[in-house]
C-alpha cells in the first residue's frame, strides 16, 4: 500500500494560511466594546406617556463629547420642541423640552464618543397629555416688526455756495471795492503823468 506524501511547498502554504483564517473566525465573535452605545432613554422608545416630560435623557455606556452632541425633538406639526442645547455629564445627555403637543414625538440625536467614533440615532414616543398640549408653542425665530412709514422731510431749495476760488457772488463786494481802488489808482497815475507833461510843455514854451 502506497502512502501519498505532501510536498513541502504545499505544507508551507497551509501553515501560512492558518493564522488569517483563525483571526477571521475569532474577530466576529469578539464583543464590540470599543465604541459607546446607547443603553437607555427616557422617555423610552415606542412608549406612551400620560404626562409630557419637561426633559429627556439619553444614557450611553461610556462618555460622549458635549461639543458634538445635538438632540432635536420634533412634534406632529414638524416643529422643534428642544429648549436650548443638551447638557452632557460623562455618558448621560439631558435635553430640556418646551411644552409638548399630543401625538407622536420624534427624537433625533447625534454625538461623538470619547474615542472619536460618531454616533447617531432616532426613536419616537407618544404623548397623551392634553393639559400640557394646551400651552405648547413650537420654537420659532422672532420676527422683526415693520416700522411705521415716516413722511419725507421737506426739501429746501438749493442755494449756491460761493467759494473764494470760484469767484462766486458771495465775494462780489470785495471784488468791486478792489476794482474801484485799482481804477482810482490808474486814474490818479494818468492824471499825474498828463499834468507833468503839460507843465514840461509850458516850461519849454517860456524858454523860447
Protein backbone atom coordinates (compact mmCIF):
# COMPACT_ATOMS: atom_id res chain seq x y z
CA UNK A 1 0.00 0.00 0.00
CA UNK A 2 1.43 3.32 -1.07
CA UNK A 3 1.25 6.45 1.11
CA UNK A 4 0.84 9.81 -0.57
CA UNK A 5 3.23 12.44 0.64
CA UNK A 6 2.57 16.14 0.65
CA UNK A 7 5.27 18.30 -0.83
CA UNK A 8 7.00 20.97 1.25
CA UNK A 9 5.60 23.96 -0.77
CA UNK A 10 2.04 22.76 -0.13
CA UNK A 11 2.70 22.36 3.60
CA UNK A 12 4.21 25.81 3.81
CA UNK A 13 1.18 27.36 2.08
CA UNK A 14 -1.19 25.65 4.52
CA UNK A 15 0.78 26.87 7.52
CA UNK A 16 0.78 30.48 6.23
CA UNK A 17 -2.98 30.40 5.62
CA UNK A 18 -3.90 29.20 9.11
CA UNK A 19 -3.34 32.47 11.10
CA UNK A 20 -5.57 34.70 8.87
CA UNK A 21 -8.30 32.07 8.88
CA UNK A 22 -8.19 31.84 12.67
CA UNK A 23 -8.42 35.63 13.01
CA UNK A 24 -11.40 35.70 10.67
CA UNK A 25 -13.22 33.26 12.89
CA UNK A 26 -12.36 34.90 16.20
CA UNK A 27 -12.88 38.61 15.38
CA UNK A 28 -16.62 38.46 14.57
CA UNK A 29 -17.21 36.64 17.83
CA UNK A 30 -15.47 39.31 19.96
CA UNK A 31 -17.79 41.84 21.69
CA UNK A 32 -17.99 45.38 20.20
CA UNK A 33 -16.80 47.21 23.29
CA UNK A 34 -14.56 49.80 21.56
CA UNK A 35 -17.30 52.42 20.86
CA UNK A 36 -20.01 53.95 23.03
CA UNK A 37 -23.53 52.55 22.74
CA UNK A 38 -26.93 53.91 23.77
CA UNK A 39 -28.12 51.91 26.76
CA UNK A 40 -31.35 53.65 27.76
CA UNK A 41 -33.56 56.66 27.04
CA UNK A 42 -36.28 58.44 28.99
CA UNK A 43 -38.97 58.54 27.72
CA UNK A 44 -38.24 55.14 26.26
CA UNK A 45 -38.58 54.33 22.58
CA UNK A 46 -42.14 53.44 21.44
CA UNK A 47 -43.54 54.32 24.88
CA UNK A 48 -46.79 56.21 25.62
CA UNK A 49 -46.60 58.87 28.35
CA UNK A 50 -49.65 60.37 30.05
CA UNK A 51 -47.57 63.24 31.48
CA UNK A 52 -45.48 65.11 28.95
CA UNK A 53 -41.85 65.27 30.09
CA UNK A 54 -40.05 68.58 30.53
CA UNK A 55 -36.73 66.96 29.60
CA UNK A 56 -35.45 63.73 28.09
CA UNK A 57 -32.26 61.81 28.84
CA UNK A 58 -30.01 59.53 26.82
CA UNK A 59 -27.68 57.17 28.67
CA UNK A 60 -24.56 55.76 26.96
CA UNK A 61 -22.23 53.09 28.27
CA UNK A 62 -19.19 55.40 28.01
CA UNK A 63 -18.54 59.17 27.93
CA UNK A 64 -19.53 61.27 24.90
CA UNK A 65 -18.39 64.74 23.85
CA UNK A 66 -20.52 67.77 24.69
CA UNK A 67 -19.28 69.77 21.71
CA UNK A 68 -20.62 67.37 19.10
CA UNK A 69 -23.89 66.39 20.80
CA UNK A 70 -27.25 67.55 19.41
CA UNK A 71 -30.78 66.42 20.25
CA UNK A 72 -33.73 67.53 18.09
CA UNK A 73 -37.25 66.83 19.40
CA UNK A 74 -39.97 67.24 16.74
CA UNK A 75 -43.73 67.21 17.22
CA UNK A 76 -46.50 66.08 14.87
CA UNK A 77 -46.52 69.60 13.41
CA UNK A 78 -42.87 69.16 12.31
CA UNK A 79 -41.83 71.97 14.67
CA UNK A 80 -38.89 71.70 17.08
CA UNK A 81 -39.58 71.50 20.82
CA UNK A 82 -35.97 71.33 22.03
CA UNK A 83 -35.27 74.01 24.62
CA UNK A 84 -31.64 75.12 24.34
CA UNK A 85 -28.57 72.95 23.92
CA UNK A 86 -28.18 69.50 25.50
CA UNK A 87 -26.03 69.02 28.62
CA UNK A 88 -23.58 66.14 28.80
CA UNK A 89 -22.24 64.59 32.02
CA UNK A 90 -19.96 61.64 31.22
CA UNK A 91 -22.28 59.26 29.35
CA UNK A 92 -25.58 60.98 30.23
CA UNK A 93 -27.19 63.53 27.87
CA UNK A 94 -30.05 65.73 29.10
CA UNK A 95 -32.18 67.81 26.71
CA UNK A 96 -34.73 70.29 28.11
CA UNK A 97 -38.08 70.48 26.33
CA UNK A 98 -40.76 73.06 25.66
CA UNK A 99 -44.37 72.04 26.45
CA UNK A 100 -45.08 69.14 24.10
CA UNK A 101 -48.22 68.71 21.99
CA UNK A 102 -50.18 65.48 21.99
CA UNK A 103 -49.26 62.89 19.43
CA UNK A 104 -46.13 61.21 18.16
CA UNK A 105 -42.86 62.85 19.22
CA UNK A 106 -39.67 62.08 17.30
CA UNK A 107 -36.21 62.30 18.88
CA UNK A 108 -33.18 62.60 16.60
CA UNK A 109 -29.76 62.61 18.25
CA UNK A 110 -26.11 62.55 17.28
CA UNK A 111 -22.88 62.68 19.27
CA UNK A 112 -19.23 61.61 19.22
CA UNK A 113 -17.74 59.04 21.59
CA UNK A 114 -14.62 59.72 23.63
CA UNK A 115 -12.57 57.69 21.14
CA UNK A 116 -13.80 59.88 18.24
CA UNK A 117 -16.38 57.47 16.81
CA UNK A 118 -19.53 59.27 15.53
CA UNK A 119 -22.88 58.01 16.85
CA UNK A 120 -26.41 58.85 15.78
CA UNK A 121 -29.93 57.53 16.03
CA UNK A 122 -33.63 58.32 16.31
CA UNK A 123 -36.72 56.97 18.04
CA UNK A 124 -40.29 58.02 18.82
CA UNK A 125 -42.67 58.10 21.74
CA UNK A 126 -46.27 59.29 22.12
CA UNK A 127 -47.62 61.95 24.47
CA UNK A 128 -51.29 61.95 25.53
CA UNK A 129 -51.02 64.89 27.94
CA UNK A 130 -53.76 67.29 26.80
CA UNK A 131 -53.14 69.74 29.67
CA UNK A 132 -49.57 70.41 28.58
CA UNK A 133 -50.56 70.43 24.92
CA UNK A 134 -52.81 73.45 25.53
CA UNK A 135 -49.76 75.58 26.29
CA UNK A 136 -47.50 74.01 23.66
CA UNK A 137 -45.82 76.54 21.43
CA UNK A 138 -43.33 75.49 18.76
CA UNK A 139 -39.98 77.21 18.71
CA UNK A 140 -39.85 79.88 16.04
CA UNK A 141 -37.36 82.68 15.39
CA UNK A 142 -38.54 86.16 16.43
CA UNK A 143 -39.82 88.29 13.57
CA UNK A 144 -38.98 91.96 13.34
CA UNK A 145 -41.98 94.31 13.45
CA UNK A 146 -42.17 96.66 10.47
CA UNK A 147 -41.60 100.27 11.43
CA UNK A 148 -44.36 102.78 10.51
CA UNK A 149 -43.64 104.82 7.41
CA UNK A 150 -42.30 108.29 8.08
CA UNK A 151 -43.10 111.33 5.99
CA UNK A 152 -40.15 112.62 3.99
CA UNK A 153 -38.64 115.83 5.31
CA UNK A 154 -39.41 118.90 3.17
CA UNK A 155 -36.51 119.75 0.96
CA UNK A 156 -35.28 123.34 0.96
CA UNK A 157 -34.24 124.98 -2.33
CA UNK A 158 -30.58 124.60 -3.04
CA UNK A 159 -28.55 127.74 -2.65
CA UNK A 160 -25.32 128.31 -4.49
CA UNK A 161 -22.34 128.18 -2.21
CA UNK A 162 -19.63 130.50 -3.41
CA UNK A 163 -16.02 129.98 -2.58
CA UNK A 164 -13.10 132.30 -2.91
CA UNK A 165 -11.50 130.18 -5.62
CA UNK A 166 -14.65 130.00 -7.77
CA UNK A 167 -15.41 133.75 -7.77
CA UNK A 168 -18.97 133.33 -6.51
CA UNK A 169 -21.49 136.05 -5.75
CA UNK A 170 -20.77 135.92 -2.01
CA UNK A 171 -17.45 137.87 -2.51
CA UNK A 172 -18.59 140.41 -5.10
CA UNK A 173 -18.47 143.42 -2.72
CA UNK A 174 -14.81 142.79 -2.08
CA UNK A 175 -14.06 142.40 -5.76
CA UNK A 176 -16.00 145.62 -6.54
CA UNK A 177 -14.08 147.58 -3.90
CA UNK A 178 -10.76 146.22 -5.17
CA UNK A 179 -11.70 147.11 -8.76
CA UNK A 180 -12.69 150.62 -7.76
CA UNK A 181 -9.41 151.09 -5.89
CA UNK A 182 -7.39 149.90 -8.87
CA UNK A 183 -9.35 152.16 -11.24
CA UNK A 184 -8.81 155.17 -8.93
CA UNK A 185 -5.08 154.43 -8.74
CA UNK A 186 -4.80 154.21 -12.53
CA UNK A 187 -6.77 157.44 -12.95
CA UNK A 188 -4.52 159.29 -10.49
CA UNK A 189 -1.44 157.93 -12.24
CA UNK A 190 -2.68 159.05 -15.65
CA UNK A 191 -3.69 162.42 -14.26
CA UNK A 192 -0.25 162.88 -12.72
CA UNK A 193 1.53 161.94 -15.95
CA UNK A 194 -0.60 164.31 -18.04
CA UNK A 195 -0.09 167.12 -15.56
CA UNK A 196 3.66 166.61 -15.61
CA UNK A 197 3.61 166.61 -19.39
CA UNK A 198 1.66 169.87 -19.51
CA UNK A 199 3.99 171.53 -17.05
CA UNK A 200 7.00 170.48 -19.09
CA UNK A 201 5.39 171.79 -22.28
CA UNK A 202 4.70 175.18 -20.70
CA UNK A 203 8.27 175.44 -19.43
CA UNK A 204 9.62 174.76 -22.93
CA UNK A 205 7.38 177.47 -24.44
CA UNK A 206 8.52 180.02 -21.85
CA UNK A 207 12.16 179.44 -22.69
CA UNK A 208 11.62 180.02 -26.41
